[in-house]
Amino acid sequence: MASLAVRVARDPVPYYRLLHREPGPVRVPGTAGGGDGIWLVGRDADVRAALAEPGLVADAATGDVPGLVDGAGLLVGEGVGRAEGETGRATGAGHVPGRVLASADVRADAPPHVAGVVARAGHVLAGRLGSRASADLVPEFCDWLPAVALGAALGLPYRRTEALRRWCRAGGPAPLPLPDALAVRARGAERATAYALASLLGTLLTRPAHLAAVRDEPALIDAVWAETLRHDPPAPYLVLRARERVRLPGGAVAAGERVLCLLGAAGRDPAGYPDPGRWDPYRAGPAPVPAHPWPDLGLLTVRYGLPPLLGVRGLALAPGFAPRAVGVRVRGPRRLLVRLGG
């Protein structure tokens, strides 16, 4: 299993293709070392069905195969399922076991002060880089901008951004009081946005024509972000557990069994996305399954914070450097070396 994890971390796509050939969920039995087995769900239609199934809830106790955000909760889009024991939307008061619904507290058309904070941070970070000859955009841009956006959304003073960023990475006491469910969601959103932002930038910098198009028409950023989440999801999978017997397309899952929803595989399903390996922000068709714990916050971050960086003079990949996404649980480039015009 350790060898398989290494291979998947390098390139999961061949394993996604194996699942696409199956007519439904694939059950992997438990091992001699323990575990009760798990169902793998990788086709786009099957993953959507699993997300919409109220009998499947986040497996908060999972340790060996964590869920979308540190195994602590499933965070999905509005109107998809409901929390275990819930009859309506999550209120964010106290810990909510199982499925936590996305709320409308932060949306892509967020209050002007949130968008303004993100835009100013983008200009500050880009200004610092603009005087340099080279940089690594992962620690110097991608790790900072999502923390600024999250802090603004939570009402945290800008000066506490570094504390918030450290908490999102390492855990421990939160820099402000948060209900458990919101804390889980906030940490996951910051991490996912940072990794997806690195993937987006790496993709644009290897495609000069697309980079020029986004510079000329910043409104294209929304489509670029959506295609990045489909092609290179920062959270490639999540784990659910059946609280009752449920039926998915192609198979039934008994109560108590786990279901591994491969969001990355769903986004590469040729039945839902023709030529799925091609990165194409002009792609038509359905929106990909949720692959971000706080989609609106992620979109806001790139929409308002990315344009200043893309306008930096001379921005290009460092000679000989090629971005490479890695990781199984959280996936994206760990380095993004660029040259600049400073």
Protein backbone atom coordinates (compact mmCIF):
# COMPACT_ATOMS: atom_id res chain seq x y z
CA MET A 1 0.00 0.00 0.00
CA ALA A 2 2.89 2.36 0.74
CA SER A 3 4.28 1.78 -2.74
CA LEU A 4 0.84 2.40 -4.26
CA ALA A 5 0.51 5.65 -2.33
CA VAL A 6 3.84 6.86 -3.72
CA ARG A 7 2.75 6.07 -7.29
CA VAL A 8 -0.63 7.76 -6.80
CA ALA A 9 1.08 10.82 -5.32
CA ARG A 10 3.16 11.13 -8.48
CA ASP A 11 0.32 10.58 -10.94
CA PRO A 12 -3.17 9.36 -9.97
CA VAL A 13 -4.64 9.57 -13.50
CA PRO A 14 -3.86 5.96 -14.56
CA TYR A 15 -5.73 4.71 -11.50
CA TYR A 16 -8.64 7.02 -12.25
CA ARG A 17 -8.90 5.42 -15.69
CA LEU A 18 -9.21 1.97 -14.13
CA LEU A 19 -12.23 3.12 -12.12
CA HIS A 20 -13.85 4.71 -15.16
CA ARG A 21 -14.04 1.28 -16.78
CA GLU A 22 -16.13 -0.16 -13.95
CA PRO A 23 -19.95 -0.03 -14.07
CA GLY A 24 -20.22 1.27 -10.51
CA PRO A 25 -18.50 1.39 -7.11
CA VAL A 26 -15.58 -1.00 -6.62
CA ARG A 27 -15.17 -2.67 -3.23
CA VAL A 28 -11.66 -3.11 -1.86
CA PRO A 29 -11.62 -5.66 1.01
CA GLY A 30 -9.96 -5.03 4.34
CA THR A 31 -6.37 -6.06 4.90
CA ALA A 32 -4.87 -8.53 7.33
CA GLY A 33 -3.60 -5.59 9.39
CA GLY A 34 -7.11 -4.34 10.04
CA GLY A 35 -9.78 -2.26 8.36
CA ASP A 36 -13.21 -3.24 7.14
CA GLY A 37 -12.72 -2.50 3.46
CA ILE A 38 -13.93 0.45 1.46
CA TRP A 39 -15.89 1.24 -1.71
CA LEU A 40 -14.12 3.27 -4.39
CA VAL A 41 -16.34 5.63 -6.39
CA GLY A 42 -14.70 7.37 -9.33
CA ARG A 43 -17.15 7.95 -12.17
CA ASP A 44 -18.66 11.42 -12.35
CA ALA A 45 -22.28 10.21 -12.14
CA ASP A 46 -21.51 7.89 -9.22
CA VAL A 47 -19.67 10.57 -7.25
CA ARG A 48 -22.55 13.01 -7.74
CA ALA A 49 -24.98 10.33 -6.57
CA ALA A 50 -22.88 9.66 -3.46
CA LEU A 51 -22.70 13.35 -2.58
CA ALA A 52 -26.47 13.68 -2.95
CA GLU A 53 -27.21 10.55 -0.86
CA PRO A 54 -28.40 11.57 2.66
CA GLY A 55 -27.56 8.09 3.94
CA LEU A 56 -23.85 8.79 3.44
CA VAL A 57 -22.19 11.07 5.99
CA ALA A 58 -18.62 12.15 6.60
CA ASP A 59 -16.52 9.54 8.36
CA ALA A 60 -15.12 11.73 11.12
CA ALA A 61 -13.44 8.78 12.85
CA THR A 62 -11.39 7.75 9.83
CA GLY A 63 -7.70 7.68 10.59
CA ASP A 64 -6.08 5.61 7.86
CA VAL A 65 -7.93 7.26 4.98
CA PRO A 66 -8.71 10.85 6.03
CA GLY A 67 -11.61 12.84 4.70
CA LEU A 68 -11.56 16.05 2.72
CA VAL A 69 -10.34 18.15 5.63
CA ASP A 70 -8.14 16.19 8.06
CA GLY A 71 -10.76 13.46 8.42
CA ALA A 72 -12.89 15.82 10.51
CA GLY A 73 -15.82 16.55 8.24
CA LEU A 74 -17.23 16.58 4.75
CA LEU A 75 -17.72 20.05 3.39
CA VAL A 76 -19.82 20.31 0.26
CA GLY A 77 -21.84 22.82 -1.73
CA GLU A 78 -25.25 24.17 -0.82
CA GLY A 79 -28.18 21.85 -1.32
CA VAL A 80 -26.04 18.68 -1.37
CA GLY A 81 -27.10 16.29 1.37
CA ARG A 82 -27.43 17.22 5.04
CA ALA A 83 -25.61 16.77 8.28
CA GLU A 84 -26.12 13.62 10.29
CA GLY A 85 -29.07 14.27 12.54
CA GLU A 86 -29.80 17.56 10.80
CA THR A 87 -33.04 18.52 9.15
CA GLY A 88 -31.88 21.80 7.66
CA ARG A 89 -28.79 23.84 7.03
CA ALA A 90 -25.90 23.78 9.46
CA THR A 91 -25.97 26.80 11.73
CA GLY A 92 -22.28 26.78 12.64
CA ALA A 93 -23.13 26.71 16.37
CA GLY A 94 -21.00 24.03 18.02
CA HIS A 95 -19.69 20.85 16.47
CA VAL A 96 -21.84 19.37 13.72
CA PRO A 97 -20.97 15.71 13.08
CA GLY A 98 -21.18 14.36 9.58
CA ARG A 99 -21.97 16.59 6.66
CA VAL A 100 -21.58 20.34 7.05
CA LEU A 101 -23.41 22.39 4.48
CA ALA A 102 -21.85 25.38 2.81
CA SER A 103 -23.57 28.54 3.99
CA ALA A 104 -24.11 31.86 2.28
CA ASP A 105 -21.95 33.79 4.78
CA VAL A 106 -19.19 34.32 2.20
CA ARG A 107 -20.04 34.33 -1.47
CA ALA A 108 -18.16 35.21 -4.65
CA ASP A 109 -19.99 38.56 -4.59
CA ALA A 110 -18.87 39.10 -0.98
CA PRO A 111 -19.17 42.45 0.79
CA PRO A 112 -16.85 45.07 -0.67
CA HIS A 113 -14.59 45.14 2.40
CA VAL A 114 -13.65 41.45 1.95
CA ALA A 115 -12.95 41.80 -1.76
CA GLY A 116 -11.08 45.04 -1.05
CA VAL A 117 -8.82 43.43 1.55
CA VAL A 118 -7.98 40.60 -0.85
CA ALA A 119 -7.30 43.01 -3.72
CA ARG A 120 -5.02 45.17 -1.57
CA ALA A 121 -3.13 42.11 -0.38
CA GLY A 122 -2.68 40.99 -3.97
CA HIS A 123 -1.18 44.37 -4.85
CA VAL A 124 1.13 44.32 -1.82
CA LEU A 125 2.41 40.82 -2.51
CA ALA A 126 2.82 41.51 -6.22
CA GLY A 127 4.63 44.78 -5.46
CA ARG A 128 7.14 42.99 -3.26
CA LEU A 129 7.80 40.44 -5.98
CA GLY A 130 8.00 43.03 -8.75
CA SER A 131 11.33 44.34 -7.50
CA ARG A 132 12.87 40.88 -7.43
CA ALA A 133 14.70 38.93 -10.13
CA SER A 134 13.36 35.54 -9.02
CA ALA A 135 11.03 33.99 -6.46
CA ASP A 136 9.19 30.87 -5.37
CA LEU A 137 5.50 31.77 -5.65
CA VAL A 138 4.32 29.00 -3.33
CA PRO A 139 5.68 30.44 -0.04
CA GLU A 140 5.72 34.05 -1.23
CA PHE A 141 2.25 34.34 -2.76
CA CYS A 142 0.13 31.17 -2.71
CA ASP A 143 0.61 30.58 1.02
CA TRP A 144 -0.30 34.15 1.94
CA LEU A 145 -3.20 35.30 -0.20
CA PRO A 146 -5.68 32.58 0.97
CA ALA A 147 -4.89 33.37 4.61
CA VAL A 148 -5.66 37.04 3.99
CA ALA A 149 -8.97 36.14 2.32
CA LEU A 150 -9.93 33.78 5.12
CA GLY A 151 -9.03 36.32 7.78
CA ALA A 152 -11.16 38.98 6.09
CA ALA A 153 -14.07 36.57 5.79
CA LEU A 154 -13.82 35.70 9.50
CA GLY A 155 -13.41 39.32 10.58
CA LEU A 156 -9.84 38.84 11.83
CA PRO A 157 -7.56 41.93 11.81
CA TYR A 158 -5.00 41.91 8.99
CA ARG A 159 -2.13 41.91 11.49
CA ARG A 160 -3.22 38.43 12.64
CA THR A 161 -2.80 36.92 9.18
CA GLU A 162 0.48 35.19 10.05
CA ALA A 163 -1.07 33.59 13.14
CA LEU A 164 -4.01 32.43 11.05
CA ARG A 165 -1.71 31.02 8.38
CA ARG A 166 0.32 29.07 10.97
CA TRP A 167 -2.87 27.69 12.53
CA CYS A 168 -4.19 26.54 9.16
CA ARG A 169 -0.94 24.63 8.58
CA ALA A 170 -0.15 23.29 12.03
CA GLY A 171 -3.38 23.38 14.03
CA GLY A 172 -3.41 24.12 17.74
CA PRO A 173 -5.44 26.94 19.31
CA ALA A 174 -7.28 29.04 16.74
CA PRO A 175 -6.36 32.75 16.59
CA LEU A 176 -10.02 33.58 17.25
CA PRO A 177 -12.97 31.68 18.77
CA LEU A 178 -14.64 29.51 16.14
CA PRO A 179 -17.30 26.78 16.30
CA ASP A 180 -15.74 23.39 15.60
CA ALA A 181 -17.47 22.92 12.25
CA LEU A 182 -16.43 26.36 11.02
CA ALA A 183 -12.85 25.85 12.22
CA VAL A 184 -12.58 22.63 10.22
CA ARG A 185 -14.01 24.32 7.17
CA ALA A 186 -11.78 27.38 7.52
CA ARG A 187 -8.54 25.40 7.79
CA GLY A 188 -9.47 23.21 4.87
CA ALA A 189 -10.46 26.17 2.71
CA GLU A 190 -7.17 27.96 3.31
CA ARG A 191 -5.10 24.89 2.50
CA ALA A 192 -7.15 23.93 -0.55
CA THR A 193 -7.05 27.46 -1.96
CA ALA A 194 -3.28 27.67 -1.56
CA TYR A 195 -2.66 24.40 -3.40
CA ALA A 196 -5.19 25.16 -6.13
CA LEU A 197 -3.73 28.63 -6.59
CA ALA A 198 -0.29 27.08 -7.11
CA SER A 199 -1.74 24.66 -9.66
CA LEU A 200 -3.53 27.48 -11.47
CA LEU A 201 -0.40 29.63 -11.68
CA GLY A 202 1.74 26.71 -12.78
CA THR A 203 -0.74 25.92 -15.52
CA LEU A 204 -0.98 29.50 -16.79
CA LEU A 205 2.79 29.99 -16.77
CA THR A 206 3.23 26.92 -18.96
CA ARG A 207 0.58 28.20 -21.39
CA PRO A 208 1.57 31.72 -22.54
CA ALA A 209 -1.48 32.10 -24.78
CA HIS A 210 -3.87 31.47 -21.89
CA LEU A 211 -1.81 33.72 -19.61
CA ALA A 212 -2.05 36.55 -22.15
CA ALA A 213 -5.81 36.00 -22.51
CA VAL A 214 -6.37 36.28 -18.74
CA ARG A 215 -4.20 39.41 -18.57
CA ASP A 216 -6.29 40.97 -21.32
CA GLU A 217 -9.62 39.85 -19.87
CA PRO A 218 -9.50 39.30 -16.07
CA ALA A 219 -13.09 38.01 -16.12
CA LEU A 220 -11.67 34.76 -17.52
CA ILE A 221 -10.21 34.03 -14.08
CA ASP A 222 -13.51 32.47 -13.00
CA ALA A 223 -13.36 29.91 -15.81
CA VAL A 224 -9.66 29.29 -15.21
CA TRP A 225 -10.36 28.60 -11.54
CA ALA A 226 -13.22 26.20 -12.32
CA GLU A 227 -11.09 24.27 -14.80
CA THR A 228 -8.23 24.08 -12.30
CA LEU A 229 -10.53 22.52 -9.69
CA ARG A 230 -11.66 19.95 -12.26
CA HIS A 231 -8.27 19.14 -13.75
CA ASP A 232 -6.13 19.49 -10.61
CA PRO A 233 -8.37 19.37 -7.54
CA PRO A 234 -6.54 20.35 -4.35
CA ALA A 235 -8.61 17.86 -2.31
CA PRO A 236 -8.76 14.79 -4.58
CA TYR A 237 -10.97 12.61 -2.38
CA LEU A 238 -13.21 12.42 0.65
CA VAL A 239 -14.43 9.55 2.83
CA LEU A 240 -18.06 8.88 3.66
CA ARG A 241 -19.68 6.19 5.80
CA ALA A 242 -23.13 4.68 5.25
CA ARG A 243 -25.35 5.21 8.29
CA GLU A 244 -27.90 2.92 6.64
CA ARG A 245 -28.01 0.69 3.59
CA VAL A 246 -27.84 2.86 0.49
CA ARG A 247 -27.96 2.11 -3.21
CA LEU A 248 -25.67 3.86 -5.64
CA PRO A 249 -25.63 3.41 -9.42
CA GLY A 250 -24.15 -0.02 -9.98
CA GLY A 251 -24.14 -1.32 -6.41
CA ALA A 252 -25.46 -1.26 -2.85
CA VAL A 253 -23.46 -0.18 0.20
CA ALA A 254 -24.28 -1.79 3.54
CA ALA A 255 -24.73 0.25 6.71
CA GLY A 256 -21.41 1.04 8.36
CA GLU A 257 -19.30 0.65 5.23
CA ARG A 258 -17.03 3.41 3.97
CA VAL A 259 -17.17 5.06 0.55
CA LEU A 260 -14.10 6.80 -0.89
CA CYS A 261 -15.36 9.45 -3.31
CA LEU A 262 -12.56 10.26 -5.75
CA LEU A 263 -13.29 13.83 -6.81
CA GLY A 264 -10.17 13.85 -8.94
CA ALA A 265 -11.37 10.80 -10.85
CA ALA A 266 -14.83 12.34 -11.34
CA GLY A 267 -13.26 15.40 -12.95
CA ARG A 268 -11.32 13.19 -15.36
CA ASP A 269 -14.29 11.00 -16.33
CA PRO A 270 -14.55 11.03 -20.16
CA ALA A 271 -18.29 10.38 -19.88
CA GLY A 272 -18.73 13.78 -18.26
CA TYR A 273 -15.82 15.70 -19.77
CA PRO A 274 -14.67 14.89 -23.32
CA ASP A 275 -10.88 14.78 -23.63
CA PRO A 276 -10.61 15.14 -19.84
CA GLY A 277 -6.82 15.37 -19.77
CA ARG A 278 -6.86 18.63 -21.74
CA TRP A 279 -6.84 21.74 -19.57
CA ASP A 280 -9.39 24.02 -21.22
CA PRO A 281 -10.97 27.00 -19.45
CA TYR A 282 -13.37 27.41 -22.39
CA ARG A 283 -14.78 23.94 -21.78
CA ALA A 284 -18.56 23.66 -21.94
CA GLY A 285 -20.64 21.26 -19.90
CA PRO A 286 -21.56 20.67 -16.25
CA ALA A 287 -19.70 22.22 -13.35
CA PRO A 288 -17.33 19.72 -11.73
CA VAL A 289 -18.22 18.04 -8.45
CA PRO A 290 -17.22 20.10 -5.38
CA ALA A 291 -13.47 19.77 -4.82
CA HIS A 292 -13.04 22.69 -2.42
CA PRO A 293 -14.42 23.01 1.11
CA TRP A 294 -15.43 26.67 0.67
CA PRO A 295 -15.90 27.25 -3.09
CA ASP A 296 -17.03 30.86 -2.91
CA LEU A 297 -14.09 31.90 -0.74
CA GLY A 298 -11.66 30.22 -3.12
CA LEU A 299 -13.16 31.98 -6.12
CA LEU A 300 -13.11 35.34 -4.35
CA THR A 301 -9.43 34.87 -3.52
CA VAL A 302 -8.33 34.35 -7.10
CA ARG A 303 -10.80 36.80 -8.64
CA TYR A 304 -9.60 39.79 -6.61
CA GLY A 305 -6.11 38.78 -5.53
CA LEU A 306 -4.58 37.21 -8.64
CA PRO A 307 -4.72 40.03 -11.27
CA PRO A 308 -1.98 42.14 -9.62
CA LEU A 309 0.45 39.21 -9.77
CA LEU A 310 -0.37 38.42 -13.38
CA GLY A 311 0.46 42.01 -14.23
CA VAL A 312 4.00 41.83 -12.83
CA ARG A 313 6.52 42.65 -15.54
CA GLY A 314 8.56 39.72 -16.81
CA LEU A 315 6.68 37.03 -14.86
CA ALA A 316 7.65 33.63 -16.30
CA LEU A 317 8.77 30.21 -15.12
CA ALA A 318 12.42 29.97 -14.15
CA PRO A 319 14.56 28.45 -16.92
CA GLY A 320 14.44 24.67 -16.76
CA PHE A 321 11.75 24.55 -14.07
CA ALA A 322 8.53 22.61 -14.68
CA PRO A 323 5.71 22.73 -12.08
CA ARG A 324 4.65 19.34 -10.78
CA ALA A 325 1.67 18.61 -8.57
CA VAL A 326 2.23 15.99 -5.87
CA GLY A 327 0.29 14.59 -2.96
CA VAL A 328 -2.54 12.17 -2.31
CA ARG A 329 -4.61 13.84 0.41
CA VAL A 330 -3.90 17.45 -0.54
CA ARG A 331 -2.46 17.90 -4.01
CA GLY A 332 -0.61 20.71 -5.76
CA PRO A 333 2.88 22.03 -6.60
CA ARG A 334 5.14 22.48 -3.58
CA ARG A 335 7.44 24.84 -5.50
CA LEU A 336 6.81 27.37 -8.26
CA LEU A 337 10.08 28.98 -9.30
CA VAL A 338 9.73 32.06 -11.49
CA ARG A 339 11.86 34.81 -12.91
CA LEU A 340 10.68 38.40 -12.71
CA GLY A 341 11.52 41.67 -14.34
CA GLY A 342 12.90 43.38 -11.22
